């Protein structure tokens, strides 16, 4: 049986430049998603929004909006991972941002999602 202590050389291997670059890019993209989610949290607090379904819609739309800006395509599973879930769906459906929302700022998007949600609940 090999113990970790007997396999110290394994931990001394250096990743390739491509691997380092890949993880830097992943890190930058995740930072953008987390900044967006942080903005939504502040927006929700400022507007005193407490409806969890509405907040969920806002967060998901904000993540999809960010993916549009990053020129990425996300599946529902990708969105769940970004939101910190361990749940992986067996779904390959790509989430798309409605073209009318692609030109909005994040504040305008949040206002539009909030308004649409409120109108739907009436």
C-alpha atoms as a PDB file:
ATOM      1  CA  UNK A   1       0.000   0.000   0.000  1.00  0.00           C
ATOM      2  CA  UNK A   2       1.429   3.385  -1.017  1.00  0.00           C
ATOM      3  CA  UNK A   3       0.978   6.200   1.405  1.00  0.00           C
ATOM      4  CA  UNK A   4       0.898   9.865   0.503  1.00  0.00           C
ATOM      5  CA  UNK A   5       4.231  10.326   2.266  1.00  0.00           C
ATOM      6  CA  UNK A   6       5.868   7.768  -0.035  1.00  0.00           C
ATOM      7  CA  UNK A   7       4.521   9.554  -3.094  1.00  0.00           C
ATOM      8  CA  UNK A   8       5.883  13.072  -2.468  1.00  0.00           C
ATOM      9  CA  UNK A   9       7.231  13.394  -6.013  1.00  0.00           C
ATOM     10  CA  UNK A  10       3.685  13.333  -7.333  1.00  0.00           C
ATOM     11  CA  UNK A  11       3.018  16.668  -5.617  1.00  0.00           C
ATOM     12  CA  UNK A  12       6.214  18.232  -6.997  1.00  0.00           C
ATOM     13  CA  UNK A  13       5.105  17.989 -10.634  1.00  0.00           C
ATOM     14  CA  UNK A  14       4.662  21.363 -12.277  1.00  0.00           C
ATOM     15  CA  UNK A  15       1.564  22.013 -14.378  1.00  0.00           C
ATOM     16  CA  UNK A  16       2.073  22.976 -17.995  1.00  0.00           C
ATOM     17  CA  UNK A  17       1.793  26.591 -19.125  1.00  0.00           C
ATOM     18  CA  UNK A  18      -1.459  25.673 -20.888  1.00  0.00           C
ATOM     19  CA  UNK A  19      -2.898  24.236 -17.690  1.00  0.00           C
ATOM     20  CA  UNK A  20      -1.943  27.334 -15.723  1.00  0.00           C
ATOM     21  CA  UNK A  21      -3.484  29.591 -18.370  1.00  0.00           C
ATOM     22  CA  UNK A  22      -6.660  27.492 -18.450  1.00  0.00           C
ATOM     23  CA  UNK A  23      -7.134  27.799 -14.692  1.00  0.00           C
ATOM     24  CA  UNK A  24      -6.391  31.534 -14.763  1.00  0.00           C
ATOM     25  CA  UNK A  25      -9.116  31.965 -17.389  1.00  0.00           C
ATOM     26  CA  UNK A  26     -11.577  29.879 -15.391  1.00  0.00           C
ATOM     27  CA  UNK A  27     -10.779  31.948 -12.322  1.00  0.00           C
ATOM     28  CA  UNK A  28     -11.324  35.250 -14.176  1.00  0.00           C
ATOM     29  CA  UNK A  29     -14.665  34.056 -15.556  1.00  0.00           C
ATOM     30  CA  UNK A  30     -15.845  32.829 -12.168  1.00  0.00           C
ATOM     31  CA  UNK A  31     -14.819  36.166 -10.634  1.00  0.00           C
ATOM     32  CA  UNK A  32     -17.089  37.919 -13.144  1.00  0.00           C
ATOM     33  CA  UNK A  33     -20.032  35.670 -12.274  1.00  0.00           C
ATOM     34  CA  UNK A  34     -19.472  36.197  -8.552  1.00  0.00           C
ATOM     35  CA  UNK A  35     -19.226  39.984  -8.995  1.00  0.00           C
ATOM     36  CA  UNK A  36     -22.561  39.861 -10.817  1.00  0.00           C
ATOM     37  CA  UNK A  37     -24.157  37.786  -8.080  1.00  0.00           C
ATOM     38  CA  UNK A  38     -22.773  40.201  -5.474  1.00  0.00           C
ATOM     39  CA  UNK A  39     -24.320  43.092  -7.390  1.00  0.00           C
ATOM     40  CA  UNK A  40     -27.695  41.317  -7.446  1.00  0.00           C
ATOM     41  CA  UNK A  41     -27.490  40.774  -3.673  1.00  0.00           C
ATOM     42  CA  UNK A  42     -26.911  44.502  -3.152  1.00  0.00           C
ATOM     43  CA  UNK A  43     -29.709  45.385  -5.595  1.00  0.00           C
ATOM     44  CA  UNK A  44     -32.128  43.043  -3.799  1.00  0.00           C
ATOM     45  CA  UNK A  45     -31.189  44.481  -0.398  1.00  0.00           C
ATOM     46  CA  UNK A  46     -31.507  48.077  -1.610  1.00  0.00           C
ATOM     47  CA  UNK A  47     -34.926  47.398  -3.168  1.00  0.00           C
ATOM     48  CA  UNK A  48     -35.971  45.318  -0.132  1.00  0.00           C
ATOM     49  CA  UNK A  49     -37.018  42.385  -2.261  1.00  0.00           C
ATOM     50  CA  UNK A  50     -37.899  39.343  -0.169  1.00  0.00           C
ATOM     51  CA  UNK A  51     -39.702  37.030  -2.608  1.00  0.00           C
ATOM     52  CA  UNK A  52     -37.281  34.107  -3.012  1.00  0.00           C
ATOM     53  CA  UNK A  53     -38.675  33.081  -6.409  1.00  0.00           C
ATOM     54  CA  UNK A  54     -38.216  36.616  -7.690  1.00  0.00           C
ATOM     55  CA  UNK A  55     -34.672  36.748  -6.320  1.00  0.00           C
ATOM     56  CA  UNK A  56     -33.872  33.383  -7.924  1.00  0.00           C
ATOM     57  CA  UNK A  57     -35.115  34.654 -11.278  1.00  0.00           C
ATOM     58  CA  UNK A  58     -33.007  37.773 -10.924  1.00  0.00           C
ATOM     59  CA  UNK A  59     -29.848  35.832 -10.062  1.00  0.00           C
ATOM     60  CA  UNK A  60     -30.312  33.360 -12.920  1.00  0.00           C
ATOM     61  CA  UNK A  61     -30.985  36.140 -15.427  1.00  0.00           C
ATOM     62  CA  UNK A  62     -27.929  38.026 -14.188  1.00  0.00           C
ATOM     63  CA  UNK A  63     -25.731  34.936 -14.612  1.00  0.00           C
ATOM     64  CA  UNK A  64     -27.062  34.344 -18.136  1.00  0.00           C
ATOM     65  CA  UNK A  65     -26.518  38.054 -18.914  1.00  0.00           C
ATOM     66  CA  UNK A  66     -22.919  37.760 -17.705  1.00  0.00           C
ATOM     67  CA  UNK A  67     -22.383  34.676 -19.854  1.00  0.00           C
ATOM     68  CA  UNK A  68     -23.558  36.709 -22.845  1.00  0.00           C
ATOM     69  CA  UNK A  69     -20.992  39.413 -22.061  1.00  0.00           C
ATOM     70  CA  UNK A  70     -18.280  36.770 -21.707  1.00  0.00           C
ATOM     71  CA  UNK A  71     -19.390  35.187 -24.996  1.00  0.00           C
ATOM     72  CA  UNK A  72     -20.041  31.890 -23.225  1.00  0.00           C
ATOM     73  CA  UNK A  73     -22.861  29.422 -23.473  1.00  0.00           C
ATOM     74  CA  UNK A  74     -24.199  27.920 -20.268  1.00  0.00           C
ATOM     75  CA  UNK A  75     -26.358  24.882 -19.596  1.00  0.00           C
ATOM     76  CA  UNK A  76     -28.653  24.721 -16.592  1.00  0.00           C
ATOM     77  CA  UNK A  77     -26.000  22.557 -14.908  1.00  0.00           C
ATOM     78  CA  UNK A  78     -23.376  25.249 -15.534  1.00  0.00           C
ATOM     79  CA  UNK A  79     -25.618  27.832 -13.874  1.00  0.00           C
ATOM     80  CA  UNK A  80     -26.097  25.546 -10.877  1.00  0.00           C
ATOM     81  CA  UNK A  81     -22.325  25.101 -10.543  1.00  0.00           C
ATOM     82  CA  UNK A  82     -21.789  28.874 -10.724  1.00  0.00           C
ATOM     83  CA  UNK A  83     -24.386  29.267  -7.982  1.00  0.00           C
ATOM     84  CA  UNK A  84     -22.506  26.779  -5.820  1.00  0.00           C
ATOM     85  CA  UNK A  85     -24.720  23.726  -6.223  1.00  0.00           C
ATOM     86  CA  UNK A  86     -23.339  20.216  -6.320  1.00  0.00           C
ATOM     87  CA  UNK A  87     -26.331  19.061  -8.340  1.00  0.00           C
ATOM     88  CA  UNK A  88     -25.480  18.111 -11.895  1.00  0.00           C
ATOM     89  CA  UNK A  89     -28.335  17.806 -14.339  1.00  0.00           C
ATOM     90  CA  UNK A  90     -28.227  15.516 -17.305  1.00  0.00           C
ATOM     91  CA  UNK A  91     -29.209  18.460 -19.455  1.00  0.00           C
ATOM     92  CA  UNK A  92     -27.433  19.938 -22.434  1.00  0.00           C
ATOM     93  CA  UNK A  93     -29.957  22.702 -23.067  1.00  0.00           C
ATOM     94  CA  UNK A  94     -28.128  25.975 -23.627  1.00  0.00           C
ATOM     95  CA  UNK A  95     -29.555  28.985 -21.829  1.00  0.00           C
ATOM     96  CA  UNK A  96     -29.824  32.020 -24.090  1.00  0.00           C
ATOM     97  CA  UNK A  97     -30.337  35.659 -23.256  1.00  0.00           C
ATOM     98  CA  UNK A  98     -33.289  37.230 -25.009  1.00  0.00           C
ATOM     99  CA  UNK A  99     -31.856  39.724 -27.542  1.00  0.00           C
ATOM    100  CA  UNK A 100     -33.914  42.543 -26.027  1.00  0.00           C
ATOM    101  CA  UNK A 101     -32.035  42.068 -22.739  1.00  0.00           C
ATOM    102  CA  UNK A 102     -28.569  41.905 -24.293  1.00  0.00           C
ATOM    103  CA  UNK A 103     -28.328  45.687 -24.642  1.00  0.00           C
ATOM    104  CA  UNK A 104     -29.353  46.446 -21.060  1.00  0.00           C
ATOM    105  CA  UNK A 105     -27.087  47.342 -18.194  1.00  0.00           C
ATOM    106  CA  UNK A 106     -27.262  45.054 -15.187  1.00  0.00           C
ATOM    107  CA  UNK A 107     -29.404  47.597 -13.314  1.00  0.00           C
ATOM    108  CA  UNK A 108     -31.787  47.849 -16.269  1.00  0.00           C
ATOM    109  CA  UNK A 109     -31.924  44.056 -16.481  1.00  0.00           C
ATOM    110  CA  UNK A 110     -32.745  43.737 -12.791  1.00  0.00           C
ATOM    111  CA  UNK A 111     -35.439  46.402 -13.108  1.00  0.00           C
ATOM    112  CA  UNK A 112     -36.932  44.587 -16.132  1.00  0.00           C
ATOM    113  CA  UNK A 113     -36.870  41.166 -14.451  1.00  0.00           C
ATOM    114  CA  UNK A 114     -38.414  42.612 -11.291  1.00  0.00           C
ATOM    115  CA  UNK A 115     -41.169  44.353 -13.241  1.00  0.00           C
ATOM    116  CA  UNK A 116     -41.920  41.293 -15.385  1.00  0.00           C
ATOM    117  CA  UNK A 117     -42.079  39.082 -12.310  1.00  0.00           C
ATOM    118  CA  UNK A 118     -44.458  41.481 -10.540  1.00  0.00           C
ATOM    119  CA  UNK A 119     -46.713  41.726 -13.598  1.00  0.00           C
ATOM    120  CA  UNK A 120     -46.835  37.944 -13.938  1.00  0.00           C
ATOM    121  CA  UNK A 121     -47.921  37.590 -10.303  1.00  0.00           C
ATOM    122  CA  UNK A 122     -50.916  39.925 -10.748  1.00  0.00           C
END
